All heavy atoms as atom14 arrays in JSON, in Angstrom:
{
  "sequence": "FGPIIHIHVPEEQPDPYVSVLKVTMDQHQFNTEVVAESTFGGF",
  "atom14_mask": [
    [1, 1, 1, 1, 1, 1, 1, 1, 1, 1, 1, 0, 0, 0],
    [1, 1, 1, 1, 0, 0, 0, 0, 0, 0, 0, 0, 0, 0],
    [1, 1, 1, 1, 1, 1, 1, 0, 0, 0, 0, 0, 0, 0],
    [1, 1, 1, 1, 1, 1, 1, 1, 0, 0, 0, 0, 0, 0],
    [1, 1, 1, 1, 1, 1, 1, 1, 0, 0, 0, 0, 0, 0],
    [1, 1, 1, 1, 1, 1, 1, 1, 1, 1, 0, 0, 0, 0],
    [1, 1, 1, 1, 1, 1, 1, 1, 0, 0, 0, 0, 0, 0],
    [1, 1, 1, 1, 1, 1, 1, 1, 1, 1, 0, 0, 0, 0],
    [1, 1, 1, 1, 1, 1, 1, 0, 0, 0, 0, 0, 0, 0],
    [1, 1, 1, 1, 1, 1, 1, 0, 0, 0, 0, 0, 0, 0],
    [1, 1, 1, 1, 1, 1, 1, 1, 1, 0, 0, 0, 0, 0],
    [1, 1, 1, 1, 1, 1, 1, 1, 1, 0, 0, 0, 0, 0],
    [1, 1, 1, 1, 1, 1, 1, 1, 1, 0, 0, 0, 0, 0],
    [1, 1, 1, 1, 1, 1, 1, 0, 0, 0, 0, 0, 0, 0],
    [1, 1, 1, 1, 1, 1, 1, 1, 0, 0, 0, 0, 0, 0],
    [1, 1, 1, 1, 1, 1, 1, 0, 0, 0, 0, 0, 0, 0],
    [1, 1, 1, 1, 1, 1, 1, 1, 1, 1, 1, 1, 0, 0],
    [1, 1, 1, 1, 1, 1, 1, 0, 0, 0, 0, 0, 0, 0],
    [1, 1, 1, 1, 1, 1, 0, 0, 0, 0, 0, 0, 0, 0],
    [1, 1, 1, 1, 1, 1, 1, 0, 0, 0, 0, 0, 0, 0],
    [1, 1, 1, 1, 1, 1, 1, 1, 0, 0, 0, 0, 0, 0],
    [1, 1, 1, 1, 1, 1, 1, 1, 1, 0, 0, 0, 0, 0],
    [1, 1, 1, 1, 1, 1, 1, 0, 0, 0, 0, 0, 0, 0],
    [1, 1, 1, 1, 1, 1, 1, 0, 0, 0, 0, 0, 0, 0],
    [1, 1, 1, 1, 1, 1, 1, 1, 0, 0, 0, 0, 0, 0],
    [1, 1, 1, 1, 1, 1, 1, 1, 0, 0, 0, 0, 0, 0],
    [1, 1, 1, 1, 1, 1, 1, 1, 1, 0, 0, 0, 0, 0],
    [1, 1, 1, 1, 1, 1, 1, 1, 1, 1, 0, 0, 0, 0],
    [1, 1, 1, 1, 1, 1, 1, 1, 1, 0, 0, 0, 0, 0],
    [1, 1, 1, 1, 1, 1, 1, 1, 1, 1, 1, 0, 0, 0],
    [1, 1, 1, 1, 1, 1, 1, 1, 0, 0, 0, 0, 0, 0],
    [1, 1, 1, 1, 1, 1, 1, 0, 0, 0, 0, 0, 0, 0],
    [1, 1, 1, 1, 1, 1, 1, 1, 1, 0, 0, 0, 0, 0],
    [1, 1, 1, 1, 1, 1, 1, 0, 0, 0, 0, 0, 0, 0],
    [1, 1, 1, 1, 1, 1, 1, 0, 0, 0, 0, 0, 0, 0],
    [1, 1, 1, 1, 1, 0, 0, 0, 0, 0, 0, 0, 0, 0],
    [1, 1, 1, 1, 1, 1, 1, 1, 1, 0, 0, 0, 0, 0],
    [1, 1, 1, 1, 1, 1, 0, 0, 0, 0, 0, 0, 0, 0],
    [1, 1, 1, 1, 1, 1, 1, 0, 0, 0, 0, 0, 0, 0],
    [1, 1, 1, 1, 1, 1, 1, 1, 1, 1, 1, 0, 0, 0],
    [1, 1, 1, 1, 0, 0, 0, 0, 0, 0, 0, 0, 0, 0],
    [1, 1, 1, 1, 0, 0, 0, 0, 0, 0, 0, 0, 0, 0],
    [1, 1, 1, 1, 1, 1, 1, 1, 1, 1, 1, 0, 0, 0]
  ],
  "atom14_positions": [
    [[1.72, 7.21, -7.84], [2.59, 8.37, -8.01], [4.04, 7.86, -7.87], [4.56, 7.78, -6.73], [2.31, 9.41, -6.92], [0.84, 9.73, -6.72], [0.11, 9.0, -5.81], [0.22, 10.7, -7.52], [-1.24, 9.29, -5.6], [-1.11, 10.96, -7.33], [-1.86, 10.25, -6.38], [0.0, 0.0, 0.0], [0.0, 0.0, 0.0], [0.0, 0.0, 0.0]],
    [[4.64, 7.51, -8.98], [6.01, 6.98, -8.87], [6.01, 5.73, -7.99], [5.27, 4.78, -8.28], [0.0, 0.0, 0.0], [0.0, 0.0, 0.0], [0.0, 0.0, 0.0], [0.0, 0.0, 0.0], [0.0, 0.0, 0.0], [0.0, 0.0, 0.0], [0.0, 0.0, 0.0], [0.0, 0.0, 0.0], [0.0, 0.0, 0.0], [0.0, 0.0, 0.0]],
    [[6.8, 5.7, -6.92], [6.86, 4.53, -6.06], [5.82, 4.51, -4.96], [5.9, 3.68, -4.08], [8.28, 4.61, -5.46], [8.53, 6.08, -5.37], [7.83, 6.71, -6.57], [0.0, 0.0, 0.0], [0.0, 0.0, 0.0], [0.0, 0.0, 0.0], [0.0, 0.0, 0.0], [0.0, 0.0, 0.0], [0.0, 0.0, 0.0], [0.0, 0.0, 0.0]],
    [[4.89, 5.42, -5.02], [3.82, 5.56, -4.0], [2.48, 5.19, -4.59], [2.13, 5.69, -5.69], [3.82, 6.93, -3.34], [5.13, 7.19, -2.61], [2.6, 7.09, -2.45], [5.21, 8.56, -2.03], [0.0, 0.0, 0.0], [0.0, 0.0, 0.0], [0.0, 0.0, 0.0], [0.0, 0.0, 0.0], [0.0, 0.0, 0.0], [0.0, 0.0, 0.0]],
    [[1.75, 4.32, -3.93], [0.4, 3.94, -4.35], [-0.61, 4.29, -3.27], [-0.4, 3.97, -2.09], [0.34, 2.45, -4.73], [1.33, 2.08, -5.84], [-1.08, 2.04, -5.11], [1.37, 0.63, -6.16], [0.0, 0.0, 0.0], [0.0, 0.0, 0.0], [0.0, 0.0, 0.0], [0.0, 0.0, 0.0], [0.0, 0.0, 0.0], [0.0, 0.0, 0.0]],
    [[-1.72, 4.91, -3.63], [-2.85, 5.15, -2.78], [-3.99, 4.25, -3.11], [-4.51, 4.33, -4.18], [-3.27, 6.62, -2.83], [-2.33, 7.57, -2.24], [-2.49, 8.96, -2.32], [-1.15, 7.38, -1.56], [-1.5, 9.54, -1.74], [-0.66, 8.63, -1.27], [0.0, 0.0, 0.0], [0.0, 0.0, 0.0], [0.0, 0.0, 0.0], [0.0, 0.0, 0.0]],
    [[-4.28, 3.31, -2.2], [-5.33, 2.33, -2.48], [-6.57, 2.71, -1.69], [-6.57, 2.96, -0.51], [-4.87, 0.91, -2.04], [-3.56, 0.52, -2.73], [-5.95, -0.12, -2.37], [-2.89, -0.71, -2.23], [0.0, 0.0, 0.0], [0.0, 0.0, 0.0], [0.0, 0.0, 0.0], [0.0, 0.0, 0.0], [0.0, 0.0, 0.0], [0.0, 0.0, 0.0]],
    [[-7.75, 2.74, -2.39], [-9.02, 3.11, -1.78], [-9.66, 1.8, -1.24], [-10.22, 1.02, -2.02], [-9.93, 3.81, -2.74], [-9.33, 5.08, -3.24], [-9.47, 6.24, -2.59], [-8.54, 5.34, -4.34], [-8.83, 7.24, -3.26], [-8.3, 6.68, -4.35], [0.0, 0.0, 0.0], [0.0, 0.0, 0.0], [0.0, 0.0, 0.0], [0.0, 0.0, 0.0]],
    [[-9.59, 1.65, 0.07], [-10.06, 0.35, 0.68], [-11.49, 0.54, 1.2], [-11.96, 1.66, 1.41], [-9.1, -0.05, 1.81], [-7.74, -0.36, 1.26], [-9.07, 1.0, 2.93], [0.0, 0.0, 0.0], [0.0, 0.0, 0.0], [0.0, 0.0, 0.0], [0.0, 0.0, 0.0], [0.0, 0.0, 0.0], [0.0, 0.0, 0.0], [0.0, 0.0, 0.0]],
    [[-12.17, -0.55, 1.44], [-13.58, -0.46, 1.94], [-13.65, 0.16, 3.33], [-12.68, 0.23, 4.06], [-14.06, -1.95, 1.97], [-13.13, -2.66, 1.05], [-11.81, -1.93, 1.1], [0.0, 0.0, 0.0], [0.0, 0.0, 0.0], [0.0, 0.0, 0.0], [0.0, 0.0, 0.0], [0.0, 0.0, 0.0], [0.0, 0.0, 0.0], [0.0, 0.0, 0.0]],
    [[-14.86, 0.55, 3.68], [-15.08, 1.16, 5.01], [-14.71, 0.2, 6.12], [-14.07, 0.55, 7.08], [-16.55, 1.57, 5.11], [-16.93, 2.31, 6.38], [-16.45, 3.76, 6.37], [-16.23, 4.34, 5.29], [-16.38, 4.35, 7.46], [0.0, 0.0, 0.0], [0.0, 0.0, 0.0], [0.0, 0.0, 0.0], [0.0, 0.0, 0.0], [0.0, 0.0, 0.0]],
    [[-15.14, -1.02, 6.03], [-14.91, -1.97, 7.11], [-13.77, -2.91, 6.8], [-13.64, -3.4, 5.62], [-16.16, -2.85, 7.33], [-17.41, -2.03, 7.76], [-17.22, -1.37, 9.12], [-16.5, -1.93, 9.97], [-17.83, -0.3, 9.32], [0.0, 0.0, 0.0], [0.0, 0.0, 0.0], [0.0, 0.0, 0.0], [0.0, 0.0, 0.0], [0.0, 0.0, 0.0]],
    [[-12.92, -3.2, 7.76], [-11.83, -4.17, 7.55], [-12.36, -5.57, 7.5], [-13.26, -5.89, 8.28], [-10.75, -4.0, 8.64], [-11.25, -4.3, 10.05], [-10.18, -4.05, 11.08], [-9.25, -3.26, 10.87], [-10.27, -4.76, 12.23], [0.0, 0.0, 0.0], [0.0, 0.0, 0.0], [0.0, 0.0, 0.0], [0.0, 0.0, 0.0], [0.0, 0.0, 0.0]],
    [[-11.89, -6.39, 6.58], [-12.47, -7.72, 6.41], [-12.15, -8.64, 7.58], [-12.96, -9.55, 7.87], [-11.8, -8.23, 5.12], [-11.33, -7.05, 4.43], [-10.96, -6.05, 5.48], [0.0, 0.0, 0.0], [0.0, 0.0, 0.0], [0.0, 0.0, 0.0], [0.0, 0.0, 0.0], [0.0, 0.0, 0.0], [0.0, 0.0, 0.0], [0.0, 0.0, 0.0]],
    [[-11.02, -8.5, 8.26], [-10.6, -9.42, 9.31], [-10.21, -8.62, 10.6], [-9.56, -7.62, 10.47], [-9.44, -10.25, 8.81], [-9.11, -11.42, 9.81], [-9.73, -12.47, 9.67], [-8.25, -11.18, 10.68], [0.0, 0.0, 0.0], [0.0, 0.0, 0.0], [0.0, 0.0, 0.0], [0.0, 0.0, 0.0], [0.0, 0.0, 0.0], [0.0, 0.0, 0.0]],
    [[-10.63, -9.14, 11.72], [-10.33, -8.4, 12.98], [-8.87, -8.47, 13.36], [-8.42, -7.6, 14.15], [-11.23, -9.09, 14.03], [-11.45, -10.46, 13.47], [-11.51, -10.29, 11.99], [0.0, 0.0, 0.0], [0.0, 0.0, 0.0], [0.0, 0.0, 0.0], [0.0, 0.0, 0.0], [0.0, 0.0, 0.0], [0.0, 0.0, 0.0], [0.0, 0.0, 0.0]],
    [[-8.1, -9.45, 12.84], [-6.68, -9.53, 13.17], [-5.83, -8.93, 12.09], [-5.12, -7.96, 12.31], [-6.32, -11.02, 13.39], [-6.9, -11.62, 14.59], [-7.78, -12.74, 14.5], [-6.6, -11.17, 15.87], [-8.3, -13.35, 15.64], [-7.12, -11.73, 17.02], [-7.98, -12.85, 16.91], [-8.5, -13.37, 18.03], [0.0, 0.0, 0.0], [0.0, 0.0, 0.0]],
    [[-5.84, -9.57, 10.89], [-5.0, -9.1, 9.79], [-5.82, -9.16, 8.54], [-6.27, -10.19, 8.11], [-3.74, -9.96, 9.62], [-2.84, -9.35, 8.59], [-3.02, -10.19, 10.97], [0.0, 0.0, 0.0], [0.0, 0.0, 0.0], [0.0, 0.0, 0.0], [0.0, 0.0, 0.0], [0.0, 0.0, 0.0], [0.0, 0.0, 0.0], [0.0, 0.0, 0.0]],
    [[-6.03, -7.99, 7.9], [-6.72, -7.95, 6.58], [-5.69, -8.03, 5.51], [-4.56, -7.52, 5.67], [-7.54, -6.71, 6.45], [-8.58, -6.67, 7.48], [0.0, 0.0, 0.0], [0.0, 0.0, 0.0], [0.0, 0.0, 0.0], [0.0, 0.0, 0.0], [0.0, 0.0, 0.0], [0.0, 0.0, 0.0], [0.0, 0.0, 0.0], [0.0, 0.0, 0.0]],
    [[-6.04, -8.63, 4.33], [-5.12, -8.91, 3.31], [-5.53, -8.32, 1.95], [-6.72, -8.54, 1.59], [-4.86, -10.43, 3.16], [-3.84, -10.74, 2.06], [-4.36, -11.04, 4.51], [0.0, 0.0, 0.0], [0.0, 0.0, 0.0], [0.0, 0.0, 0.0], [0.0, 0.0, 0.0], [0.0, 0.0, 0.0], [0.0, 0.0, 0.0], [0.0, 0.0, 0.0]],
    [[-4.64, -7.63, 1.25], [-4.87, -7.24, -0.11], [-3.89, -7.95, -1.0], [-2.72, -8.15, -0.66], [-4.66, -5.73, -0.23], [-5.78, -4.8, 0.23], [-5.76, -4.68, 1.74], [-5.65, -3.39, -0.39], [0.0, 0.0, 0.0], [0.0, 0.0, 0.0], [0.0, 0.0, 0.0], [0.0, 0.0, 0.0], [0.0, 0.0, 0.0], [0.0, 0.0, 0.0]],
    [[-4.35, -8.36, -2.17], [-3.52, -9.02, -3.16], [-3.2, -8.11, -4.33], [-4.14, -7.49, -4.89], [-4.23, -10.34, -3.68], [-3.4, -11.11, -4.7], [-3.98, -12.51, -4.97], [-5.3, -12.44, -5.61], [-5.78, -13.77, -5.98], [0.0, 0.0, 0.0], [0.0, 0.0, 0.0], [0.0, 0.0, 0.0], [0.0, 0.0, 0.0], [0.0, 0.0, 0.0]],
    [[-1.96, -8.0, -4.63], [-1.54, -7.09, -5.73], [-0.99, -7.92, -6.87], [-0.04, -8.71, -6.68], [-0.47, -6.12, -5.19], [-0.01, -5.18, -6.32], [-0.95, -5.3, -4.0], [0.0, 0.0, 0.0], [0.0, 0.0, 0.0], [0.0, 0.0, 0.0], [0.0, 0.0, 0.0], [0.0, 0.0, 0.0], [0.0, 0.0, 0.0], [0.0, 0.0, 0.0]],
    [[-1.54, -7.76, -8.06], [-1.06, -8.42, -9.23], [-0.24, -7.46, -10.08], [-0.7, -6.36, -10.37], [-2.24, -8.95, -10.08], [-3.02, -9.81, -9.27], [-1.74, -9.71, -11.33], [0.0, 0.0, 0.0], [0.0, 0.0, 0.0], [0.0, 0.0, 0.0], [0.0, 0.0, 0.0], [0.0, 0.0, 0.0], [0.0, 0.0, 0.0], [0.0, 0.0, 0.0]],
    [[0.97, -7.87, -10.4], [1.85, -6.99, -11.21], [2.54, -7.85, -12.33], [2.94, -8.99, -12.08], [2.94, -6.43, -10.33], [2.45, -5.7, -9.11], [3.72, -5.07, -8.02], [4.32, -3.7, -8.98], [0.0, 0.0, 0.0], [0.0, 0.0, 0.0], [0.0, 0.0, 0.0], [0.0, 0.0, 0.0], [0.0, 0.0, 0.0], [0.0, 0.0, 0.0]],
    [[2.66, -7.27, -13.49], [3.38, -8.0, -14.56], [4.91, -7.99, -14.35], [5.58, -8.94, -14.73], [3.07, -7.34, -15.95], [1.63, -7.52, -16.36], [1.02, -8.53, -15.87], [1.08, -6.68, -17.07], [0.0, 0.0, 0.0], [0.0, 0.0, 0.0], [0.0, 0.0, 0.0], [0.0, 0.0, 0.0], [0.0, 0.0, 0.0], [0.0, 0.0, 0.0]],
    [[5.4, -6.91, -13.72], [6.79, -6.76, -13.42], [6.92, -6.46, -11.9], [5.99, -6.01, -11.28], [7.45, -5.67, -14.25], [7.42, -5.92, -15.75], [8.12, -4.77, -16.5], [7.98, -3.6, -16.13], [8.79, -5.13, -17.55], [0.0, 0.0, 0.0], [0.0, 0.0, 0.0], [0.0, 0.0, 0.0], [0.0, 0.0, 0.0], [0.0, 0.0, 0.0]],
    [[8.16, -6.73, -11.42], [8.44, -6.49, -10.0], [9.65, -5.59, -9.88], [10.8, -6.1, -9.78], [8.61, -7.79, -9.22], [7.37, -8.63, -9.19], [7.14, -9.59, -10.15], [6.36, -8.64, -8.32], [5.91, -10.18, -9.89], [5.46, -9.61, -8.79], [0.0, 0.0, 0.0], [0.0, 0.0, 0.0], [0.0, 0.0, 0.0], [0.0, 0.0, 0.0]],
    [[9.42, -4.26, -9.96], [10.49, -3.36, -9.79], [10.23, -2.59, -8.46], [9.1, -2.09, -8.25], [10.59, -2.37, -10.98], [10.99, -3.08, -12.26], [11.1, -2.12, -13.4], [10.49, -1.01, -13.38], [11.8, -2.52, -14.45], [0.0, 0.0, 0.0], [0.0, 0.0, 0.0], [0.0, 0.0, 0.0], [0.0, 0.0, 0.0], [0.0, 0.0, 0.0]],
    [[11.25, -2.4, -7.67], [11.09, -1.81, -6.36], [12.04, -0.61, -6.21], [13.1, -0.59, -6.73], [11.4, -2.82, -5.24], [10.59, -4.12, -5.37], [11.21, -5.26, -5.74], [9.21, -4.11, -5.12], [10.52, -6.43, -5.88], [8.52, -5.28, -5.24], [9.13, -6.49, -5.62], [0.0, 0.0, 0.0], [0.0, 0.0, 0.0], [0.0, 0.0, 0.0]],
    [[11.57, 0.36, -5.46], [12.37, 1.46, -5.06], [12.7, 1.23, -3.56], [11.85, 1.37, -2.7], [11.67, 2.79, -5.25], [12.54, 4.0, -4.97], [13.45, 3.96, -4.15], [12.35, 5.02, -5.78], [0.0, 0.0, 0.0], [0.0, 0.0, 0.0], [0.0, 0.0, 0.0], [0.0, 0.0, 0.0], [0.0, 0.0, 0.0], [0.0, 0.0, 0.0]],
    [[13.97, 0.86, -3.32], [14.36, 0.43, -1.98], [14.9, 1.56, -1.13], [15.24, 1.37, 0.01], [15.4, -0.67, -2.08], [16.59, -0.11, -2.73], [14.91, -1.87, -2.82], [0.0, 0.0, 0.0], [0.0, 0.0, 0.0], [0.0, 0.0, 0.0], [0.0, 0.0, 0.0], [0.0, 0.0, 0.0], [0.0, 0.0, 0.0], [0.0, 0.0, 0.0]],
    [[14.96, 2.79, -1.72], [15.62, 3.88, -1.01], [14.66, 4.92, -0.43], [14.94, 5.62, 0.57], [16.67, 4.58, -1.91], [17.82, 3.65, -2.3], [18.84, 4.38, -3.09], [18.49, 5.34, -3.82], [20.04, 4.0, -3.0], [0.0, 0.0, 0.0], [0.0, 0.0, 0.0], [0.0, 0.0, 0.0], [0.0, 0.0, 0.0], [0.0, 0.0, 0.0]],
    [[13.5, 5.14, -1.09], [12.63, 6.24, -0.66], [12.0, 5.95, 0.68], [11.68, 4.85, 1.01], [11.56, 6.6, -1.72], [12.15, 7.16, -2.97], [10.72, 5.34, -2.0], [0.0, 0.0, 0.0], [0.0, 0.0, 0.0], [0.0, 0.0, 0.0], [0.0, 0.0, 0.0], [0.0, 0.0, 0.0], [0.0, 0.0, 0.0], [0.0, 0.0, 0.0]],
    [[11.75, 7.04, 1.43], [11.09, 6.95, 2.68], [9.6, 6.69, 2.54], [9.0, 7.25, 1.61], [11.24, 8.28, 3.46], [10.43, 8.3, 4.79], [12.79, 8.49, 3.8], [0.0, 0.0, 0.0], [0.0, 0.0, 0.0], [0.0, 0.0, 0.0], [0.0, 0.0, 0.0], [0.0, 0.0, 0.0], [0.0, 0.0, 0.0], [0.0, 0.0, 0.0]],
    [[9.05, 5.82, 3.31], [7.63, 5.47, 3.16], [6.72, 6.59, 3.62], [7.0, 7.34, 4.53], [7.3, 4.19, 3.97], [0.0, 0.0, 0.0], [0.0, 0.0, 0.0], [0.0, 0.0, 0.0], [0.0, 0.0, 0.0], [0.0, 0.0, 0.0], [0.0, 0.0, 0.0], [0.0, 0.0, 0.0], [0.0, 0.0, 0.0], [0.0, 0.0, 0.0]],
    [[5.58, 6.69, 2.98], [4.56, 7.65, 3.39], [3.81, 7.09, 4.59], [3.46, 5.9, 4.65], [3.6, 7.91, 2.26], [2.55, 9.01, 2.54], [1.65, 9.33, 1.37], [1.69, 8.57, 0.37], [0.96, 10.33, 1.41], [0.0, 0.0, 0.0], [0.0, 0.0, 0.0], [0.0, 0.0, 0.0], [0.0, 0.0, 0.0], [0.0, 0.0, 0.0]],
    [[3.54, 7.95, 5.56], [2.87, 7.51, 6.78], [1.39, 7.3, 6.54], [0.85, 7.7, 5.54], [3.11, 8.55, 7.89], [4.46, 8.67, 8.22], [0.0, 0.0, 0.0], [0.0, 0.0, 0.0], [0.0, 0.0, 0.0], [0.0, 0.0, 0.0], [0.0, 0.0, 0.0], [0.0, 0.0, 0.0], [0.0, 0.0, 0.0], [0.0, 0.0, 0.0]],
    [[0.76, 6.67, 7.53], [-0.65, 6.31, 7.4], [-1.56, 7.47, 7.04], [-2.43, 7.39, 6.24], [-1.16, 5.63, 8.68], [-0.52, 4.34, 8.86], [-2.65, 5.43, 8.7], [0.0, 0.0, 0.0], [0.0, 0.0, 0.0], [0.0, 0.0, 0.0], [0.0, 0.0, 0.0], [0.0, 0.0, 0.0], [0.0, 0.0, 0.0], [0.0, 0.0, 0.0]],
    [[-1.36, 8.63, 7.7], [-2.26, 9.77, 7.43], [-1.61, 10.74, 6.44], [-2.03, 11.91, 6.37], [-2.52, 10.52, 8.71], [-3.47, 9.71, 9.65], [-2.95, 8.99, 10.71], [-4.83, 9.64, 9.41], [-3.77, 8.29, 11.56], [-5.66, 8.95, 10.27], [-5.13, 8.26, 11.33], [0.0, 0.0, 0.0], [0.0, 0.0, 0.0], [0.0, 0.0, 0.0]],
    [[-0.59, 10.3, 5.73], [0.16, 11.21, 4.85], [1.3, 11.84, 5.57], [1.37, 11.87, 6.81], [0.0, 0.0, 0.0], [0.0, 0.0, 0.0], [0.0, 0.0, 0.0], [0.0, 0.0, 0.0], [0.0, 0.0, 0.0], [0.0, 0.0, 0.0], [0.0, 0.0, 0.0], [0.0, 0.0, 0.0], [0.0, 0.0, 0.0], [0.0, 0.0, 0.0]],
    [[2.26, 12.38, 4.83], [3.46, 12.91, 5.47], [4.61, 11.88, 5.48], [4.36, 10.65, 5.33], [0.0, 0.0, 0.0], [0.0, 0.0, 0.0], [0.0, 0.0, 0.0], [0.0, 0.0, 0.0], [0.0, 0.0, 0.0], [0.0, 0.0, 0.0], [0.0, 0.0, 0.0], [0.0, 0.0, 0.0], [0.0, 0.0, 0.0], [0.0, 0.0, 0.0]],
    [[5.83, 12.37, 5.68], [7.01, 11.54, 5.58], [7.88, 11.8, 6.8], [8.22, 12.97, 7.1], [7.82, 11.81, 4.34], [6.97, 11.6, 3.08], [6.15, 12.6, 2.57], [7.0, 10.39, 2.43], [5.39, 12.42, 1.47], [6.22, 10.17, 1.3], [5.41, 11.17, 0.78], [0.0, 0.0, 0.0], [0.0, 0.0, 0.0], [0.0, 0.0, 0.0]]
  ]
}
């Protein structure tokens, strides 16, 4: 949704310390001004 992405992750986290997702993009354009969406939704 514009500069916001909702990723559907698996039920279990892969790593007990830090789990990692890799994002492949053809271009790298960023929106540096918008407020981030919180973990459970909301701003």
